Amino acid sequence: MHTHHLASFLTCLLIACVAFAQQGTKDLTQLLQSNKNLSEFTTLLTSYGDIYANLSFQSEVTILAPNNDAFNKIPYSALGPAFEANQSQIVRSVLQYHILPGLHDASSYNGSFRFDKTFLQNSSYTNVTGAQVVGGVMQAGGVNVYTSGLGSRTTLVTAGLKFAGGIVHVIDTFLVPPQTFTQSVTQFNLTAAGGAVENARDEARLLTFNSSLAEYVNSHKDLTIFVPQNAAFQALGGTLQSMPLSQLQRILGYHIVNSSSVGYSSNLPNGTILRTLSGQKLTVTFASNSLFVNQARVLQQDLLISNGVMHVIDNFLDPDAPSVTANPEVQTAPPLIRGTSLTENVVPFTSYLPTSVTSFDTASATPTSSFGAGNIGQGTSAFATGSASASASSTRTSPTKKNGSAIEAEDGNHTTSQQNLE
């Protein structure tokens, strides 16, 4: 009898504790209203009623909430024109990019970049499988930093504000949804590569995809692009500018990987084999604390674009030398492709770059036309279908074909296994 009463008492006590705990956890509205440094974000978020209402029903979600100081930075950022013009659908995509499914505690990050999916899935703004990602890393001193489009870096200033549906991390700068390849290259001083791709547009269409190379790198899903720095183009500029466009397209295609999985650095363990648009394979090596692809050293990793990722390399990859390996003892390997250089400060192909790629017009997966302006205060549940302008050009038939693409791993000192992805 006493045992029965004790069990009943414990059950009631447990129910009371749960109820008390639930009462002690703020809902999202209460949390936002109790943090005055989030007043601007609260106003913006609540103006998009469907997004705000959806968050109220989430059980595990992480919100990266820009503080009031971050709003003061908007006019000086890539997002400035969209906010100033009240382009509501772009702002909607920006909000969705600040919301991550799942709980991502600040302490869960370490010194290696991690790429977490966001709520940004609208194909007008992203073209990666599942959803667009944001990079996160814990730097020295326990400082959490997030990376987003156009090389934007954001610092976490207040971590782990809990509400009934998840957690809020307060950040000091807005995340920027990744842009297309052509829109991104200028930001990273990769103008020669961007211009070369646009120049190859005139050569014709990739038969498998019925698109030019420029259209392909800006619109095809889940791309990994190894982009030679401007200095590499200068070293071979005379030869590259004079070679047939079909040959240039073949070389550029050897720097592009298309698979069902984007090749973020976290997906590229030592010994990874990548199959390129040209059909040949690339080998990823990690040695002497550096990442290499074939013989080329990766100078910058994980530059996010709307349909994948770019890695900047110090030298050209040669489709006729797919078996060449890295030499970590050499800071910069000599070019495999022989040719003549250009005079200093002359960067080839830059004249082919479109002139309207400097502002945040769109991150559209299929650039076709400019976004229209709307009222930021009139957020709706429907997604936008706008896109960006792209320069038109004539095309000719090309024999270049894609012979499949893959990310696969060989046995080696790698930490993550990879499947063959055809």
Protein backbone atom coordinates (compact mmCIF):
# COMPACT_ATOMS: atom_id res chain seq x y z
CA MET A 1 0.00 0.00 0.00
CA HIS A 2 2.77 2.38 0.94
CA THR A 3 4.60 1.45 -2.26
CA HIS A 4 1.54 2.38 -4.32
CA HIS A 5 1.25 5.78 -2.59
CA LEU A 6 4.95 6.43 -3.06
CA ALA A 7 4.72 5.65 -6.78
CA SER A 8 1.74 7.96 -7.17
CA PHE A 9 3.53 10.72 -5.28
CA LEU A 10 6.64 10.40 -7.47
CA THR A 11 4.52 10.46 -10.62
CA CYS A 12 2.78 13.65 -9.53
CA LEU A 13 6.11 15.18 -8.55
CA LEU A 14 7.55 14.38 -11.98
CA ILE A 15 4.56 15.92 -13.74
CA ALA A 16 4.86 19.02 -11.59
CA CYS A 17 8.58 19.34 -12.34
CA VAL A 18 8.01 19.03 -16.08
CA ALA A 19 5.25 21.62 -15.95
CA PHE A 20 7.45 23.95 -13.93
CA ALA A 21 10.33 23.50 -16.37
CA GLN A 22 8.06 24.22 -19.32
CA GLN A 23 6.74 27.34 -17.62
CA GLY A 24 10.32 28.45 -17.03
CA THR A 25 11.27 28.17 -20.72
CA LYS A 26 10.39 31.24 -22.75
CA ASP A 27 8.73 30.96 -26.10
CA LEU A 28 10.40 32.69 -29.04
CA THR A 29 8.35 35.87 -28.67
CA GLN A 30 9.22 36.20 -25.00
CA LEU A 31 12.89 35.53 -25.66
CA LEU A 32 13.16 38.12 -28.41
CA GLN A 33 11.25 40.74 -26.46
CA SER A 34 13.51 40.24 -23.44
CA ASN A 35 16.66 40.96 -25.48
CA LYS A 36 16.68 44.64 -26.42
CA ASN A 37 19.73 44.20 -28.68
CA LEU A 38 17.52 42.06 -30.94
CA SER A 39 14.72 44.61 -31.37
CA GLU A 40 15.54 45.27 -35.05
CA PHE A 41 15.69 41.56 -35.80
CA THR A 42 12.40 41.02 -33.97
CA THR A 43 10.71 43.68 -36.08
CA LEU A 44 12.06 42.18 -39.30
CA LEU A 45 11.24 38.58 -38.39
CA THR A 46 7.68 39.32 -37.28
CA SER A 47 7.01 41.17 -40.54
CA TYR A 48 7.32 37.78 -42.25
CA GLY A 49 4.43 36.16 -40.45
CA ASP A 50 4.71 32.74 -42.06
CA ILE A 51 8.40 32.33 -41.17
CA TYR A 52 7.76 33.58 -37.64
CA ALA A 53 4.76 31.30 -37.16
CA ASN A 54 6.69 28.31 -38.49
CA LEU A 55 9.44 28.90 -35.94
CA SER A 56 6.86 28.75 -33.18
CA PHE A 57 6.11 25.15 -34.12
CA GLN A 58 9.72 23.98 -34.38
CA SER A 59 10.97 21.61 -31.70
CA GLU A 60 14.70 21.85 -32.46
CA VAL A 61 16.00 24.82 -34.39
CA THR A 62 18.96 27.19 -34.20
CA ILE A 63 18.50 30.85 -35.08
CA LEU A 64 21.50 33.03 -35.90
CA ALA A 65 20.05 36.40 -34.95
CA PRO A 66 21.84 39.59 -36.06
CA ASN A 67 21.97 42.17 -33.29
CA ASN A 68 21.05 45.83 -33.70
CA ASP A 69 24.63 46.73 -34.59
CA ALA A 70 24.44 44.28 -37.50
CA PHE A 71 21.51 46.24 -38.94
CA ASN A 72 23.61 49.40 -38.85
CA LYS A 73 26.15 47.65 -41.10
CA ILE A 74 23.63 46.71 -43.81
CA PRO A 75 24.03 49.88 -45.94
CA TYR A 76 27.76 49.15 -46.24
CA SER A 77 27.34 45.46 -47.09
CA ALA A 78 26.39 43.43 -50.14
CA LEU A 79 22.85 43.27 -48.78
CA GLY A 80 22.47 47.06 -48.77
CA PRO A 81 20.81 47.51 -52.18
CA ALA A 82 18.22 44.77 -51.52
CA PHE A 83 17.23 46.21 -48.14
CA GLU A 84 17.21 49.77 -49.41
CA ALA A 85 14.99 48.81 -52.35
CA ASN A 86 12.66 46.80 -50.08
CA GLN A 87 13.18 43.66 -52.17
CA SER A 88 11.05 41.47 -49.97
CA GLN A 89 11.84 38.12 -51.53
CA ILE A 90 15.59 38.62 -51.25
CA VAL A 91 15.17 39.66 -47.63
CA ARG A 92 13.02 36.55 -47.12
CA SER A 93 15.86 34.40 -48.41
CA VAL A 94 18.26 36.20 -46.07
CA LEU A 95 16.03 35.41 -43.08
CA GLN A 96 15.75 31.75 -44.07
CA TYR A 97 19.53 31.59 -44.36
CA HIS A 98 19.82 32.54 -40.68
CA ILE A 99 17.76 29.55 -39.49
CA LEU A 100 19.33 26.10 -39.08
CA PRO A 101 17.39 22.90 -38.46
CA GLY A 102 18.63 21.10 -35.37
CA LEU A 103 20.41 22.31 -32.25
CA HIS A 104 23.92 23.60 -32.94
CA ASP A 105 25.50 24.54 -29.64
CA ALA A 106 28.47 26.87 -29.85
CA SER A 107 30.57 24.25 -28.05
CA SER A 108 29.87 21.67 -30.78
CA TYR A 109 32.22 23.46 -33.19
CA ASN A 110 35.98 22.94 -33.28
CA GLY A 111 38.99 24.15 -35.24
CA SER A 112 37.84 22.49 -38.49
CA PHE A 113 35.12 24.07 -40.58
CA ARG A 114 31.70 22.47 -40.46
CA PHE A 115 28.95 23.18 -42.97
CA ASP A 116 25.40 23.11 -41.64
CA LYS A 117 22.24 23.24 -43.72
CA THR A 118 19.89 26.18 -43.33
CA PHE A 119 16.22 26.79 -44.09
CA LEU A 120 17.17 28.40 -47.43
CA GLN A 121 15.87 25.92 -49.99
CA ASN A 122 14.20 28.18 -52.56
CA SER A 123 15.68 27.30 -55.96
CA SER A 124 15.64 30.96 -56.98
CA TYR A 125 18.41 31.56 -54.47
CA THR A 126 20.25 28.30 -54.05
CA ASN A 127 21.03 25.22 -56.08
CA VAL A 128 22.60 22.69 -53.74
CA THR A 129 20.95 19.45 -52.70
CA GLY A 130 18.86 19.76 -49.56
CA ALA A 131 19.51 23.38 -48.63
CA GLN A 132 22.17 26.07 -48.71
CA VAL A 133 24.83 25.81 -46.01
CA VAL A 134 26.67 28.14 -43.67
CA GLY A 135 30.21 27.45 -42.49
CA GLY A 136 31.07 27.40 -38.81
CA VAL A 137 34.35 27.10 -36.92
CA MET A 138 35.71 27.75 -33.43
CA GLN A 139 38.82 29.89 -33.60
CA ALA A 140 41.53 30.49 -31.03
CA GLY A 141 40.21 31.73 -27.75
CA GLY A 142 36.90 29.92 -28.20
CA VAL A 143 35.52 32.49 -30.64
CA ASN A 144 32.85 31.11 -32.98
CA VAL A 145 32.87 32.44 -36.55
CA TYR A 146 30.40 31.78 -39.35
CA THR A 147 31.19 32.18 -43.05
CA SER A 148 28.69 32.78 -45.83
CA GLY A 149 28.50 34.13 -49.38
CA LEU A 150 30.99 36.61 -50.86
CA GLY A 151 33.46 35.71 -48.12
CA SER A 152 31.37 37.29 -45.37
CA ARG A 153 32.49 36.49 -41.82
CA THR A 154 30.23 36.76 -38.79
CA THR A 155 31.19 36.48 -35.13
CA LEU A 156 28.98 34.93 -32.47
CA VAL A 157 28.66 37.42 -29.59
CA THR A 158 26.07 35.74 -27.35
CA ALA A 159 25.54 31.99 -27.45
CA GLY A 160 22.76 29.62 -26.49
CA LEU A 161 19.73 31.74 -25.61
CA LYS A 162 17.16 29.02 -25.08
CA PHE A 163 13.51 29.11 -26.02
CA ALA A 164 10.87 26.40 -26.18
CA GLY A 165 11.70 25.47 -29.77
CA GLY A 166 15.48 25.67 -29.76
CA ILE A 167 18.30 28.15 -29.27
CA VAL A 168 19.27 31.61 -30.49
CA HIS A 169 22.86 32.66 -31.14
CA VAL A 170 23.35 36.42 -31.40
CA ILE A 171 25.74 37.43 -34.20
CA ASP A 172 27.35 40.76 -35.04
CA THR A 173 26.91 40.80 -38.84
CA PHE A 174 24.35 39.48 -41.31
CA LEU A 175 25.06 36.27 -43.18
CA VAL A 176 25.00 36.72 -46.96
CA PRO A 177 23.37 34.01 -49.08
CA PRO A 178 25.99 32.70 -51.53
CA GLN A 179 25.97 34.18 -55.04
CA THR A 180 26.63 32.62 -58.42
CA PHE A 181 30.15 31.85 -59.62
CA THR A 182 30.27 34.88 -61.91
CA GLN A 183 28.95 37.17 -59.18
CA SER A 184 31.50 35.84 -56.68
CA VAL A 185 34.79 35.86 -58.60
CA THR A 186 35.32 39.62 -58.42
CA GLN A 187 34.96 39.60 -54.66
CA PHE A 188 37.79 37.06 -54.38
CA ASN A 189 40.03 38.63 -57.07
CA LEU A 190 39.48 35.68 -59.40
CA THR A 191 38.58 37.87 -62.34
CA ALA A 192 40.69 35.95 -64.87
CA ALA A 193 38.82 32.71 -64.18
CA GLY A 194 35.47 34.46 -64.36
CA GLY A 195 36.36 36.12 -67.65
CA ALA A 196 37.78 32.89 -69.11
CA VAL A 197 34.54 31.06 -68.38
CA GLU A 198 32.55 33.85 -70.01
CA ASN A 199 34.93 33.78 -73.00
CA ALA A 200 34.40 30.03 -73.34
CA ARG A 201 30.67 30.78 -73.48
CA ASP A 202 31.24 31.74 -77.09
CA GLU A 203 32.62 28.29 -77.83
CA ALA A 204 29.59 26.43 -77.67
CA ARG A 205 27.44 24.21 -75.62
CA LEU A 206 28.29 21.23 -73.49
CA LEU A 207 26.46 18.53 -75.39
CA THR A 208 25.28 16.57 -72.34
CA PHE A 209 23.69 19.60 -70.70
CA ASN A 210 22.91 21.80 -73.71
CA SER A 211 24.49 24.79 -72.00
CA SER A 212 27.61 26.86 -72.37
CA LEU A 213 30.36 26.58 -69.78
CA ALA A 214 29.37 29.95 -68.31
CA GLU A 215 25.76 28.83 -67.97
CA TYR A 216 26.89 25.53 -66.52
CA VAL A 217 29.07 26.90 -63.71
CA ASN A 218 26.37 29.38 -62.72
CA SER A 219 23.37 27.09 -62.81
CA HIS A 220 24.27 23.40 -62.48
CA LYS A 221 23.66 21.81 -59.09
CA ASP A 222 26.28 20.73 -56.54
CA LEU A 223 29.48 21.93 -58.20
CA THR A 224 32.98 21.95 -56.76
CA ILE A 225 35.26 24.32 -58.67
CA PHE A 226 39.02 24.56 -58.25
CA VAL A 227 39.81 28.09 -59.39
CA PRO A 228 43.37 29.09 -60.39
CA GLN A 229 44.43 32.40 -58.91
CA ASN A 230 44.97 35.39 -61.21
CA ALA A 231 48.74 34.91 -61.04
CA ALA A 232 48.36 31.44 -62.59
CA PHE A 233 46.45 32.98 -65.51
CA GLN A 234 49.10 35.66 -65.91
CA ALA A 235 51.84 33.04 -66.09
CA LEU A 236 50.11 31.38 -69.07
CA GLY A 237 48.07 34.31 -70.33
CA GLY A 238 49.63 34.57 -73.78
CA THR A 239 49.03 30.90 -74.49
CA LEU A 240 45.56 30.73 -72.96
CA GLN A 241 44.31 33.73 -74.91
CA SER A 242 45.54 32.37 -78.24
CA MET A 243 44.47 28.73 -77.93
CA PRO A 244 41.25 27.48 -79.57
CA LEU A 245 38.23 27.99 -77.33
CA SER A 246 37.48 24.26 -77.39
CA GLN A 247 40.90 23.59 -75.86
CA LEU A 248 40.42 26.31 -73.26
CA GLN A 249 37.04 24.85 -72.39
CA ARG A 250 38.61 21.42 -71.92
CA ILE A 251 41.23 22.81 -69.53
CA LEU A 252 38.67 24.78 -67.56
CA GLY A 253 36.39 21.74 -67.43
CA TYR A 254 39.17 19.81 -65.70
CA HIS A 255 38.79 22.21 -62.77
CA ILE A 256 35.07 21.50 -62.31
CA VAL A 257 33.60 18.57 -60.37
CA ASN A 258 29.92 17.73 -60.57
CA SER A 259 28.52 15.11 -58.21
CA SER A 260 25.63 14.53 -55.83
CA SER A 261 27.76 15.84 -52.97
CA VAL A 262 29.45 19.25 -52.82
CA GLY A 263 33.18 19.02 -52.12
CA TYR A 264 33.49 21.19 -49.05
CA SER A 265 36.88 20.72 -47.40
CA SER A 266 35.23 18.61 -44.71
CA ASN A 267 34.22 16.19 -47.50
CA LEU A 268 37.73 15.97 -48.96
CA PRO A 269 39.83 13.65 -46.77
CA ASN A 270 43.30 12.63 -47.84
CA GLY A 271 43.17 10.33 -50.87
CA THR A 272 39.81 11.51 -52.19
CA ILE A 273 39.37 10.98 -55.94
CA LEU A 274 37.28 13.48 -57.87
CA ARG A 275 35.99 13.01 -61.39
CA THR A 276 35.83 16.20 -63.41
CA LEU A 277 33.65 17.64 -66.12
CA SER A 278 36.40 16.78 -68.61
CA GLY A 279 36.19 13.14 -67.57
CA GLN A 280 39.62 12.76 -65.97
CA LYS A 281 40.21 12.33 -62.28
CA LEU A 282 41.77 14.57 -59.66
CA THR A 283 43.45 13.42 -56.46
CA VAL A 284 43.16 15.31 -53.19
CA THR A 285 46.14 15.14 -50.83
CA PHE A 286 46.58 16.50 -47.33
CA ALA A 287 50.25 16.91 -46.46
CA SER A 288 52.39 19.29 -44.39
CA ASN A 289 49.21 20.90 -43.05
CA SER A 290 48.14 21.90 -46.57
CA LEU A 291 45.48 20.69 -48.98
CA PHE A 292 46.47 19.84 -52.55
CA VAL A 293 44.60 18.80 -55.66
CA ASN A 294 46.98 16.96 -57.97
CA GLN A 295 50.09 19.17 -57.83
CA ALA A 296 48.28 22.42 -57.04
CA ARG A 297 48.21 23.85 -53.54
CA VAL A 298 44.84 25.05 -52.26
CA LEU A 299 45.28 28.67 -51.17
CA GLN A 300 41.71 29.37 -50.02
CA GLN A 301 39.15 26.77 -49.09
CA ASP A 302 35.37 26.73 -49.02
CA LEU A 303 34.28 29.91 -50.78
CA LEU A 304 30.54 29.32 -50.93
CA ILE A 305 28.60 29.95 -54.13
CA SER A 306 24.90 29.48 -54.82
CA ASN A 307 25.37 26.07 -56.45
CA GLY A 308 28.34 24.68 -54.54
CA VAL A 309 31.80 25.73 -53.47
CA MET A 310 35.05 27.17 -54.86
CA HIS A 311 38.59 26.40 -53.74
CA VAL A 312 41.36 28.75 -54.94
CA ILE A 313 44.51 26.98 -56.18
CA ASP A 314 47.95 28.37 -56.97
CA ASN A 315 48.37 26.74 -60.38
CA PHE A 316 46.53 25.23 -63.32
CA LEU A 317 45.54 21.58 -63.40
CA ASP A 318 46.46 19.76 -66.60
CA PRO A 319 43.93 17.28 -68.05
CA ASP A 320 46.82 15.62 -69.89
CA ALA A 321 48.67 14.97 -66.61
CA PRO A 322 46.00 13.53 -64.29
CA SER A 323 48.47 11.34 -62.37
CA VAL A 324 50.81 14.10 -61.22
CA THR A 325 51.13 14.29 -57.44
CA ALA A 326 51.75 17.02 -54.90
CA ASN A 327 55.18 18.00 -53.65
CA PRO A 328 54.61 19.66 -50.26
CA GLU A 329 58.27 20.74 -50.13
CA VAL A 330 57.71 23.19 -52.99
CA GLN A 331 55.74 26.30 -52.14
CA THR A 332 54.44 26.73 -55.71
CA ALA A 333 54.98 24.00 -58.28
CA PRO A 334 55.97 25.10 -61.81
CA PRO A 335 53.13 25.13 -64.38
CA LEU A 336 52.42 21.80 -66.03
CA ILE A 337 50.92 23.51 -69.04
CA ARG A 338 53.69 25.18 -71.01
CA GLY A 339 53.11 28.61 -72.41
CA THR A 340 53.96 32.28 -72.51
CA SER A 341 53.18 34.73 -69.78
CA LEU A 342 51.77 38.24 -69.82
CA THR A 343 53.50 41.33 -68.51
CA GLU A 344 53.06 42.10 -64.84
CA ASN A 345 49.65 43.50 -63.80
CA VAL A 346 48.02 42.34 -67.03
CA VAL A 347 45.21 39.94 -66.12
CA PRO A 348 43.77 38.02 -69.09
CA PHE A 349 40.09 37.58 -69.93
CA THR A 350 38.78 40.23 -67.54
CA SER A 351 37.16 42.16 -70.37
CA TYR A 352 34.71 39.27 -70.82
CA LEU A 353 33.25 39.67 -67.32
CA PRO A 354 29.71 41.07 -67.25
CA THR A 355 29.57 44.57 -65.82
CA SER A 356 26.49 44.02 -63.60
CA VAL A 357 27.85 41.56 -61.05
CA THR A 358 29.07 43.83 -58.27
CA SER A 359 25.92 44.14 -56.13
CA PHE A 360 23.65 41.67 -54.39
CA ASP A 361 21.16 41.26 -57.22
CA THR A 362 20.42 37.58 -56.71
CA ALA A 363 21.84 34.23 -55.87
CA SER A 364 19.64 32.64 -58.47
CA ALA A 365 20.39 29.13 -59.60
CA THR A 366 19.12 30.00 -63.08
CA PRO A 367 19.94 33.63 -63.90
CA THR A 368 17.46 35.11 -66.36
CA SER A 369 16.10 38.48 -65.25
CA SER A 370 16.36 41.09 -62.51
CA PHE A 371 14.41 40.91 -59.27
CA GLY A 372 11.51 43.26 -58.81
CA ALA A 373 11.16 45.33 -55.66
CA GLY A 374 8.57 44.59 -53.03
CA ASN A 375 7.71 45.79 -49.56
CA ILE A 376 9.83 44.17 -46.85
CA GLY A 377 6.92 44.58 -44.48
CA GLN A 378 4.70 42.44 -46.70
CA GLY A 379 6.34 39.07 -46.34
CA THR A 380 4.19 36.26 -47.75
CA SER A 381 4.35 32.50 -47.68
CA ALA A 382 4.95 32.22 -51.42
CA PHE A 383 8.54 31.97 -52.61
CA ALA A 384 9.91 34.35 -55.20
CA THR A 385 10.86 33.12 -58.63
CA GLY A 386 13.02 36.05 -59.64
CA SER A 387 16.56 35.73 -60.93
CA ALA A 388 19.44 37.78 -62.18
CA SER A 389 20.39 39.09 -65.57
CA ALA A 390 22.91 37.22 -67.66
CA SER A 391 24.64 38.45 -70.75
CA ALA A 392 23.56 36.78 -73.95
CA SER A 393 25.97 35.38 -76.47
CA SER A 394 26.09 33.29 -79.61
CA THR A 395 27.03 29.63 -79.40
CA ARG A 396 28.51 26.98 -81.64
CA THR A 397 28.54 23.21 -81.42
CA SER A 398 31.37 21.69 -79.42
CA PRO A 399 32.61 18.11 -79.21
CA THR A 400 33.22 18.51 -75.47
CA LYS A 401 31.20 16.04 -73.42
CA LYS A 402 30.87 15.18 -69.76
CA ASN A 403 31.93 11.61 -69.14
CA GLY A 404 30.43 11.36 -65.68
CA SER A 405 31.57 12.86 -62.42
CA ALA A 406 32.19 11.50 -58.99
CA ILE A 407 33.58 11.91 -55.56
CA GLU A 408 35.13 8.71 -54.35
CA ALA A 409 37.83 7.77 -51.87
CA GLU A 410 40.77 5.43 -52.12
CA ASP A 411 42.43 3.74 -49.19
CA GLY A 412 44.69 6.19 -47.42
CA ASN A 413 45.08 8.29 -44.34
CA HIS A 414 41.67 9.85 -44.53
CA THR A 415 39.21 10.38 -41.77
CA THR A 416 35.96 10.14 -43.70
CA SER A 417 34.81 7.48 -46.14
CA GLN A 418 33.31 8.57 -49.46
CA GLN A 419 31.01 6.72 -51.80
CA ASN A 420 31.39 6.65 -55.55
CA LEU A 421 28.80 9.18 -56.66
CA GLU A 422 27.89 8.93 -60.31
